[in-house]
């Protein structure tokens, strides 16, 4: 009786050796997953347009939304003038409603706070590495050193 093959499964099958078993899929294909409709053919009356639904929110939700947008744009390197212009533009509906409710001074204060938090200057450049050690590691050395 021969010993079972201990060859790892990821190695290619060499000529003259036994074929590998095919791996089992980790999940069903997206089209076959329940609720995706991928296995149903499209019909002429299927709705293919995106539909927006209004959701009731309070002012704290607008503040949080504005902070998330500001953080994203600050981290992307947007300068202050471009970011404030986005808040002023009705094209950016979510930002514009915050600008109308809170005013430009509030928006600029939040932008300044985000710049301080993400170590970015008003022109969008990095002032220093945002990577810092928050707690000492073993033997008192920092877990992460600044670059």
N, C-alpha and C. Protein backbone atom coordinates (compact mmCIF):
# COMPACT_ATOMS: atom_id res chain seq x y z
N UNK A 1 0.84 -1.17 0.00
CA UNK A 1 0.00 0.00 0.00
C UNK A 1 0.89 1.23 0.00
N UNK A 2 0.62 2.16 -0.90
CA UNK A 2 1.45 3.36 -0.99
C UNK A 2 0.97 4.42 0.00
N UNK A 3 1.91 5.26 0.39
CA UNK A 3 1.58 6.33 1.32
C UNK A 3 0.76 7.40 0.60
N UNK A 4 -0.19 8.03 1.30
CA UNK A 4 -0.98 9.08 0.64
C UNK A 4 -0.09 10.26 0.26
N UNK A 5 -0.49 10.91 -0.81
CA UNK A 5 0.29 12.06 -1.29
C UNK A 5 0.19 13.21 -0.29
N UNK A 6 1.33 13.80 0.03
CA UNK A 6 1.35 14.94 0.95
C UNK A 6 1.61 16.24 0.20
N UNK A 7 1.38 16.21 -1.09
CA UNK A 7 1.62 17.38 -1.92
C UNK A 7 0.58 18.46 -1.56
N UNK A 8 1.02 19.71 -1.38
CA UNK A 8 0.05 20.78 -1.12
C UNK A 8 -0.90 20.92 -2.30
N UNK A 9 -2.12 21.34 -2.02
CA UNK A 9 -3.15 21.42 -3.05
C UNK A 9 -2.88 22.50 -4.09
N UNK A 10 -2.05 23.50 -3.77
CA UNK A 10 -1.86 24.60 -4.71
C UNK A 10 -0.78 24.33 -5.75
N UNK A 11 -0.04 23.23 -5.64
CA UNK A 11 0.98 22.92 -6.63
C UNK A 11 0.34 22.36 -7.90
N UNK A 12 0.90 22.64 -9.05
CA UNK A 12 0.32 22.12 -10.29
C UNK A 12 0.49 20.60 -10.37
N UNK A 13 -0.40 19.98 -11.11
CA UNK A 13 -0.32 18.54 -11.32
C UNK A 13 0.76 18.28 -12.36
N UNK A 14 1.72 17.45 -12.01
CA UNK A 14 2.80 17.12 -12.93
C UNK A 14 2.38 15.96 -13.81
N UNK A 15 3.00 15.87 -14.96
CA UNK A 15 2.70 14.81 -15.90
C UNK A 15 2.91 13.46 -15.25
N UNK A 16 1.92 12.56 -15.40
CA UNK A 16 2.03 11.21 -14.84
C UNK A 16 1.52 11.11 -13.41
N UNK A 17 1.16 12.21 -12.78
CA UNK A 17 0.64 12.12 -11.42
C UNK A 17 -0.89 12.18 -11.45
N UNK A 18 -1.48 11.93 -10.32
CA UNK A 18 -2.95 11.93 -10.25
C UNK A 18 -3.49 13.35 -10.27
N UNK A 19 -4.65 13.57 -10.86
CA UNK A 19 -5.20 14.92 -10.90
C UNK A 19 -5.70 15.36 -9.52
N UNK A 20 -5.64 16.66 -9.33
CA UNK A 20 -6.13 17.22 -8.06
C UNK A 20 -7.65 17.27 -8.08
N UNK A 21 -8.27 17.14 -6.93
CA UNK A 21 -9.71 17.34 -6.89
C UNK A 21 -10.02 18.83 -7.07
N UNK A 22 -11.11 19.14 -7.74
CA UNK A 22 -11.44 20.56 -7.93
C UNK A 22 -11.93 21.14 -6.61
N UNK A 23 -11.52 22.38 -6.32
CA UNK A 23 -11.92 22.96 -5.04
C UNK A 23 -13.41 23.28 -5.03
N UNK A 24 -13.98 23.23 -3.84
CA UNK A 24 -15.39 23.58 -3.68
C UNK A 24 -15.51 25.10 -3.68
N UNK A 25 -16.53 25.66 -4.31
CA UNK A 25 -16.68 27.12 -4.27
C UNK A 25 -16.98 27.59 -2.85
N UNK A 26 -16.46 28.77 -2.50
CA UNK A 26 -16.69 29.32 -1.17
C UNK A 26 -18.13 29.79 -1.01
N UNK A 27 -18.72 30.30 -2.06
CA UNK A 27 -20.09 30.79 -2.02
C UNK A 27 -20.71 30.58 -3.40
N UNK A 28 -22.04 30.53 -3.46
CA UNK A 28 -22.65 30.38 -4.78
C UNK A 28 -22.40 31.62 -5.62
N UNK A 29 -22.39 31.49 -6.93
CA UNK A 29 -22.23 32.68 -7.78
C UNK A 29 -23.32 33.69 -7.45
N UNK A 30 -23.01 34.98 -7.60
CA UNK A 30 -23.93 36.04 -7.21
C UNK A 30 -25.28 35.90 -7.88
N UNK A 31 -25.30 35.49 -9.14
CA UNK A 31 -26.56 35.35 -9.85
C UNK A 31 -27.46 34.27 -9.29
N UNK A 32 -26.88 33.30 -8.57
CA UNK A 32 -27.68 32.21 -8.02
C UNK A 32 -28.02 32.43 -6.56
N UNK A 33 -27.50 33.47 -5.95
CA UNK A 33 -27.77 33.72 -4.54
C UNK A 33 -29.24 34.12 -4.37
N UNK A 34 -29.86 33.71 -3.27
CA UNK A 34 -31.26 34.07 -3.07
C UNK A 34 -31.45 35.58 -3.02
N UNK A 35 -32.47 36.07 -3.68
CA UNK A 35 -32.81 37.48 -3.63
C UNK A 35 -32.07 38.35 -4.62
N UNK A 36 -31.14 37.80 -5.41
CA UNK A 36 -30.41 38.63 -6.35
C UNK A 36 -31.10 38.72 -7.70
N UNK A 37 -31.95 37.77 -8.02
CA UNK A 37 -32.66 37.80 -9.30
C UNK A 37 -31.77 37.49 -10.48
N UNK A 38 -30.56 37.02 -10.24
CA UNK A 38 -29.63 36.76 -11.33
C UNK A 38 -30.04 35.60 -12.20
N UNK A 39 -30.82 34.65 -11.64
CA UNK A 39 -31.21 33.50 -12.44
C UNK A 39 -32.49 33.77 -13.24
N UNK A 40 -33.14 34.90 -12.98
CA UNK A 40 -34.37 35.25 -13.70
C UNK A 40 -34.01 36.13 -14.89
N UNK A 41 -34.49 35.83 -16.07
CA UNK A 41 -34.18 36.71 -17.21
C UNK A 41 -34.87 38.07 -17.06
N UNK A 42 -34.24 39.11 -17.61
CA UNK A 42 -34.81 40.45 -17.54
C UNK A 42 -36.08 40.53 -18.37
N UNK A 43 -37.04 41.28 -17.85
CA UNK A 43 -38.30 41.48 -18.56
C UNK A 43 -38.42 42.95 -18.95
N UNK A 44 -39.20 43.27 -19.98
CA UNK A 44 -39.30 44.66 -20.44
C UNK A 44 -39.79 45.63 -19.37
N UNK A 45 -40.61 45.17 -18.41
CA UNK A 45 -41.15 46.08 -17.40
C UNK A 45 -40.35 46.07 -16.10
N UNK A 46 -39.17 45.43 -16.08
CA UNK A 46 -38.33 45.46 -14.88
C UNK A 46 -37.83 46.88 -14.62
N UNK A 47 -37.89 47.34 -13.36
CA UNK A 47 -37.37 48.69 -13.06
C UNK A 47 -35.85 48.69 -13.06
N UNK A 48 -35.26 49.48 -13.92
CA UNK A 48 -33.81 49.54 -14.04
C UNK A 48 -33.26 50.90 -13.59
N UNK A 49 -34.12 51.76 -13.08
CA UNK A 49 -33.69 53.09 -12.64
C UNK A 49 -33.45 53.08 -11.13
N UNK A 50 -32.43 53.84 -10.69
CA UNK A 50 -32.20 53.98 -9.26
C UNK A 50 -33.30 54.86 -8.67
N UNK A 51 -33.76 54.50 -7.50
CA UNK A 51 -34.84 55.25 -6.86
C UNK A 51 -34.34 55.71 -5.50
N UNK A 52 -34.42 57.02 -5.26
CA UNK A 52 -34.05 57.57 -3.96
C UNK A 52 -35.25 57.65 -3.05
N UNK A 53 -35.04 57.38 -1.79
CA UNK A 53 -36.12 57.43 -0.82
C UNK A 53 -35.72 58.40 0.28
N UNK A 54 -36.54 59.41 0.56
CA UNK A 54 -36.20 60.34 1.65
C UNK A 54 -36.29 59.65 3.01
N UNK A 55 -35.35 59.99 3.86
CA UNK A 55 -35.32 59.42 5.20
C UNK A 55 -35.33 60.58 6.19
N UNK A 56 -36.21 60.54 7.18
CA UNK A 56 -36.22 61.64 8.14
C UNK A 56 -34.95 61.63 9.00
N UNK A 57 -34.33 62.79 9.13
CA UNK A 57 -33.10 62.91 9.92
C UNK A 57 -33.19 64.15 10.80
N UNK A 58 -32.34 64.18 11.82
CA UNK A 58 -32.26 65.36 12.67
C UNK A 58 -30.96 66.11 12.38
N UNK A 59 -30.74 67.21 13.07
CA UNK A 59 -29.56 68.03 12.79
C UNK A 59 -28.27 67.32 13.15
N UNK A 60 -28.29 66.47 14.16
CA UNK A 60 -27.08 65.73 14.53
C UNK A 60 -26.64 64.80 13.40
N UNK A 61 -27.61 64.28 12.66
CA UNK A 61 -27.28 63.42 11.52
C UNK A 61 -26.58 64.22 10.43
N UNK A 62 -27.05 65.44 10.19
CA UNK A 62 -26.39 66.30 9.21
C UNK A 62 -24.96 66.63 9.64
N UNK A 63 -24.77 66.87 10.94
CA UNK A 63 -23.44 67.18 11.45
C UNK A 63 -22.50 65.99 11.23
N UNK A 64 -22.97 64.80 11.56
CA UNK A 64 -22.14 63.60 11.38
C UNK A 64 -21.84 63.37 9.90
N UNK A 65 -22.85 63.56 9.05
CA UNK A 65 -22.65 63.40 7.61
C UNK A 65 -21.60 64.38 7.10
N UNK A 66 -21.69 65.62 7.56
CA UNK A 66 -20.72 66.64 7.13
C UNK A 66 -19.32 66.25 7.59
N UNK A 67 -19.18 65.77 8.83
CA UNK A 67 -17.86 65.37 9.33
C UNK A 67 -17.27 64.23 8.51
N UNK A 68 -18.10 63.28 8.11
CA UNK A 68 -17.61 62.15 7.31
C UNK A 68 -17.13 62.63 5.94
N UNK A 69 -17.93 63.50 5.29
CA UNK A 69 -17.53 64.05 4.00
C UNK A 69 -16.24 64.87 4.14
N UNK A 70 -16.19 65.71 5.15
CA UNK A 70 -15.01 66.55 5.35
C UNK A 70 -13.78 65.69 5.57
N UNK A 71 -13.88 64.68 6.43
CA UNK A 71 -12.74 63.79 6.67
C UNK A 71 -12.27 63.14 5.38
N UNK A 72 -13.21 62.67 4.57
CA UNK A 72 -12.83 62.01 3.32
C UNK A 72 -12.11 62.98 2.38
N UNK A 73 -12.66 64.17 2.20
CA UNK A 73 -12.05 65.12 1.27
C UNK A 73 -10.71 65.66 1.80
N UNK A 74 -10.62 65.86 3.11
CA UNK A 74 -9.35 66.32 3.69
C UNK A 74 -8.28 65.25 3.51
N UNK A 75 -8.63 64.02 3.77
CA UNK A 75 -7.66 62.93 3.60
C UNK A 75 -7.28 62.74 2.14
N UNK A 76 -8.19 63.09 1.21
CA UNK A 76 -7.86 63.03 -0.22
C UNK A 76 -6.99 64.19 -0.66
N UNK A 77 -6.78 65.18 0.22
CA UNK A 77 -5.89 66.29 -0.10
C UNK A 77 -6.57 67.50 -0.71
N UNK A 78 -7.88 67.64 -0.55
CA UNK A 78 -8.57 68.81 -1.08
C UNK A 78 -8.15 70.05 -0.32
N UNK A 79 -7.86 71.16 -1.00
CA UNK A 79 -7.57 72.42 -0.30
C UNK A 79 -8.87 73.05 0.22
N UNK A 80 -8.72 73.99 1.16
CA UNK A 80 -9.89 74.63 1.78
C UNK A 80 -10.83 75.27 0.77
N UNK A 81 -10.28 76.00 -0.19
CA UNK A 81 -11.15 76.71 -1.13
C UNK A 81 -12.00 75.75 -1.95
N UNK A 82 -11.45 74.61 -2.33
CA UNK A 82 -12.20 73.63 -3.11
C UNK A 82 -13.27 72.96 -2.24
N UNK A 83 -12.94 72.69 -0.98
CA UNK A 83 -13.87 72.03 -0.08
C UNK A 83 -15.04 72.95 0.29
N UNK A 84 -14.75 74.22 0.57
CA UNK A 84 -15.82 75.17 0.87
C UNK A 84 -16.68 75.40 -0.37
N UNK A 85 -16.08 75.42 -1.55
CA UNK A 85 -16.85 75.57 -2.79
C UNK A 85 -17.81 74.40 -2.98
N UNK A 86 -17.40 73.20 -2.58
CA UNK A 86 -18.30 72.04 -2.68
C UNK A 86 -19.50 72.22 -1.75
N UNK A 87 -19.28 72.76 -0.55
CA UNK A 87 -20.39 73.02 0.37
C UNK A 87 -21.32 74.10 -0.19
N UNK A 88 -20.80 75.07 -0.88
CA UNK A 88 -21.62 76.15 -1.44
C UNK A 88 -22.42 75.70 -2.67
N UNK A 89 -21.97 74.68 -3.35
CA UNK A 89 -22.58 74.25 -4.61
C UNK A 89 -23.83 73.40 -4.36
N UNK A 90 -24.95 73.78 -4.96
CA UNK A 90 -26.17 72.95 -4.84
C UNK A 90 -26.02 71.58 -5.51
N UNK A 91 -25.00 71.42 -6.37
CA UNK A 91 -24.76 70.12 -7.00
C UNK A 91 -24.43 69.06 -5.94
N UNK A 92 -23.73 69.44 -4.87
CA UNK A 92 -23.44 68.54 -3.75
C UNK A 92 -24.55 68.72 -2.72
N UNK A 93 -25.68 68.07 -2.95
CA UNK A 93 -26.89 68.32 -2.16
C UNK A 93 -26.68 68.08 -0.67
N UNK A 94 -26.00 66.99 -0.30
CA UNK A 94 -25.79 66.69 1.12
C UNK A 94 -24.94 67.75 1.80
N UNK A 95 -23.88 68.18 1.15
CA UNK A 95 -23.02 69.21 1.71
C UNK A 95 -23.72 70.56 1.73
N UNK A 96 -24.46 70.85 0.67
CA UNK A 96 -25.09 72.16 0.54
C UNK A 96 -26.15 72.39 1.62
N UNK A 97 -26.91 71.36 1.95
CA UNK A 97 -27.93 71.53 2.99
C UNK A 97 -27.28 71.81 4.34
N UNK A 98 -26.14 71.20 4.60
CA UNK A 98 -25.41 71.48 5.85
C UNK A 98 -24.91 72.93 5.84
N UNK A 99 -24.38 73.37 4.71
CA UNK A 99 -23.88 74.74 4.59
C UNK A 99 -25.02 75.74 4.82
N UNK A 100 -26.21 75.44 4.27
CA UNK A 100 -27.36 76.33 4.47
C UNK A 100 -27.83 76.31 5.92
N UNK A 101 -27.83 75.15 6.56
CA UNK A 101 -28.32 75.06 7.95
C UNK A 101 -27.33 75.64 8.95
N UNK A 102 -26.05 75.36 8.77
CA UNK A 102 -25.04 75.71 9.77
C UNK A 102 -24.26 76.98 9.45
N UNK A 103 -24.09 77.29 8.19
CA UNK A 103 -23.34 78.48 7.81
C UNK A 103 -21.88 78.17 7.52
N UNK A 104 -21.24 79.13 6.85
CA UNK A 104 -19.87 78.92 6.41
C UNK A 104 -18.87 78.88 7.57
N UNK A 105 -19.10 79.67 8.62
CA UNK A 105 -18.17 79.67 9.76
C UNK A 105 -18.13 78.29 10.42
N UNK A 106 -19.29 77.65 10.56
CA UNK A 106 -19.35 76.31 11.15
C UNK A 106 -18.61 75.32 10.27
N UNK A 107 -18.83 75.41 8.95
CA UNK A 107 -18.18 74.51 8.00
C UNK A 107 -16.66 74.68 8.07
N UNK A 108 -16.20 75.92 8.09
CA UNK A 108 -14.75 76.16 8.15
C UNK A 108 -14.15 75.66 9.47
N UNK A 109 -14.89 75.78 10.57
CA UNK A 109 -14.39 75.27 11.85
C UNK A 109 -14.26 73.75 11.81
N UNK A 110 -15.23 73.06 11.19
CA UNK A 110 -15.15 71.60 11.07
C UNK A 110 -14.01 71.18 10.15
N UNK A 111 -13.79 71.94 9.09
CA UNK A 111 -12.68 71.64 8.19
C UNK A 111 -11.35 71.79 8.93
N UNK A 112 -11.23 72.86 9.74
CA UNK A 112 -9.99 73.08 10.51
C UNK A 112 -9.76 71.94 11.51
N UNK A 113 -10.83 71.48 12.15
CA UNK A 113 -10.70 70.36 13.09
C UNK A 113 -10.25 69.09 12.38
N UNK A 114 -10.81 68.84 11.20
CA UNK A 114 -10.41 67.65 10.43
C UNK A 114 -8.96 67.77 9.97
N UNK A 115 -8.54 68.96 9.57
CA UNK A 115 -7.15 69.16 9.14
C UNK A 115 -6.19 68.88 10.30
N UNK A 116 -6.57 69.32 11.49
CA UNK A 116 -5.73 69.05 12.66
C UNK A 116 -5.69 67.56 12.96
N UNK A 117 -6.84 66.91 12.88
CA UNK A 117 -6.93 65.48 13.17
C UNK A 117 -6.13 64.64 12.17
N UNK A 118 -6.14 65.04 10.88
CA UNK A 118 -5.48 64.26 9.84
C UNK A 118 -4.14 64.85 9.41
N UNK A 119 -3.67 65.86 10.12
CA UNK A 119 -2.34 66.45 9.87
C UNK A 119 -2.20 66.95 8.43
N UNK A 120 -3.18 67.72 8.00
CA UNK A 120 -3.17 68.30 6.65
C UNK A 120 -3.22 69.82 6.76
N UNK A 121 -2.49 70.50 5.89
CA UNK A 121 -2.52 71.96 5.87
C UNK A 121 -3.71 72.43 5.03
N UNK A 122 -3.96 73.74 5.02
CA UNK A 122 -5.12 74.27 4.31
C UNK A 122 -4.99 74.11 2.79
N UNK A 123 -3.78 73.86 2.28
CA UNK A 123 -3.64 73.61 0.85
C UNK A 123 -3.76 72.13 0.51
N UNK A 124 -3.99 71.30 1.53
CA UNK A 124 -4.19 69.87 1.32
C UNK A 124 -2.96 69.02 1.50
N UNK A 125 -1.79 69.65 1.70
CA UNK A 125 -0.55 68.86 1.84
C UNK A 125 -0.44 68.28 3.24
N UNK A 126 0.31 67.22 3.34
CA UNK A 126 0.53 66.53 4.61
C UNK A 126 1.54 67.31 5.44
N UNK A 127 1.18 67.65 6.69
CA UNK A 127 2.09 68.42 7.54
C UNK A 127 3.06 67.51 8.27
N UNK A 128 2.62 66.33 8.64
CA UNK A 128 3.49 65.32 9.24
C UNK A 128 2.78 63.99 9.13
N UNK A 129 3.48 62.94 9.43
CA UNK A 129 2.89 61.61 9.30
C UNK A 129 1.75 61.44 10.30
N UNK A 130 0.59 60.95 9.85
CA UNK A 130 -0.49 60.70 10.79
C UNK A 130 -0.28 59.45 11.63
N UNK A 131 0.79 58.69 11.34
CA UNK A 131 1.07 57.48 12.09
C UNK A 131 1.85 57.85 13.35
N UNK A 132 1.27 57.59 14.49
CA UNK A 132 1.95 57.86 15.75
C UNK A 132 1.73 56.69 16.69
N UNK A 133 2.57 56.58 17.66
CA UNK A 133 2.41 55.55 18.67
C UNK A 133 1.40 56.04 19.69
N UNK A 134 0.36 55.24 19.93
CA UNK A 134 -0.65 55.64 20.90
C UNK A 134 -0.42 54.99 22.26
N UNK A 135 0.34 53.92 22.30
CA UNK A 135 0.63 53.24 23.57
C UNK A 135 2.00 52.60 23.46
N UNK A 136 2.72 52.54 24.58
CA UNK A 136 4.03 51.89 24.51
C UNK A 136 3.89 50.39 24.30
N UNK A 137 4.80 49.83 23.55
CA UNK A 137 4.82 48.40 23.32
C UNK A 137 5.62 47.72 24.41
N UNK A 138 6.01 46.48 24.18
CA UNK A 138 6.82 45.78 25.18
C UNK A 138 8.16 46.49 25.38
N UNK A 139 8.63 46.50 26.57
CA UNK A 139 9.90 47.13 26.95
C UNK A 139 9.86 48.65 26.75
N UNK A 140 8.67 49.26 26.71
CA UNK A 140 8.56 50.70 26.63
C UNK A 140 8.79 51.31 25.27
N UNK A 141 8.98 50.49 24.24
CA UNK A 141 9.21 51.04 22.89
C UNK A 141 7.86 51.32 22.24
N UNK A 142 7.81 52.33 21.37
CA UNK A 142 6.53 52.60 20.71
C UNK A 142 6.13 51.48 19.78
N UNK A 143 4.83 51.23 19.66
CA UNK A 143 4.33 50.20 18.76
C UNK A 143 4.58 50.58 17.30
N UNK A 144 4.39 51.85 16.99
CA UNK A 144 4.59 52.34 15.62
C UNK A 144 5.39 53.63 15.73
N UNK A 145 6.39 53.74 14.93
CA UNK A 145 7.19 54.97 14.94
C UNK A 145 6.76 55.88 13.82
N UNK A 146 6.94 57.18 14.01
CA UNK A 146 6.63 58.14 12.96
C UNK A 146 7.59 57.95 11.80
N UNK A 147 7.09 58.18 10.61
CA UNK A 147 7.91 58.06 9.40
C UNK A 147 8.68 59.35 9.19
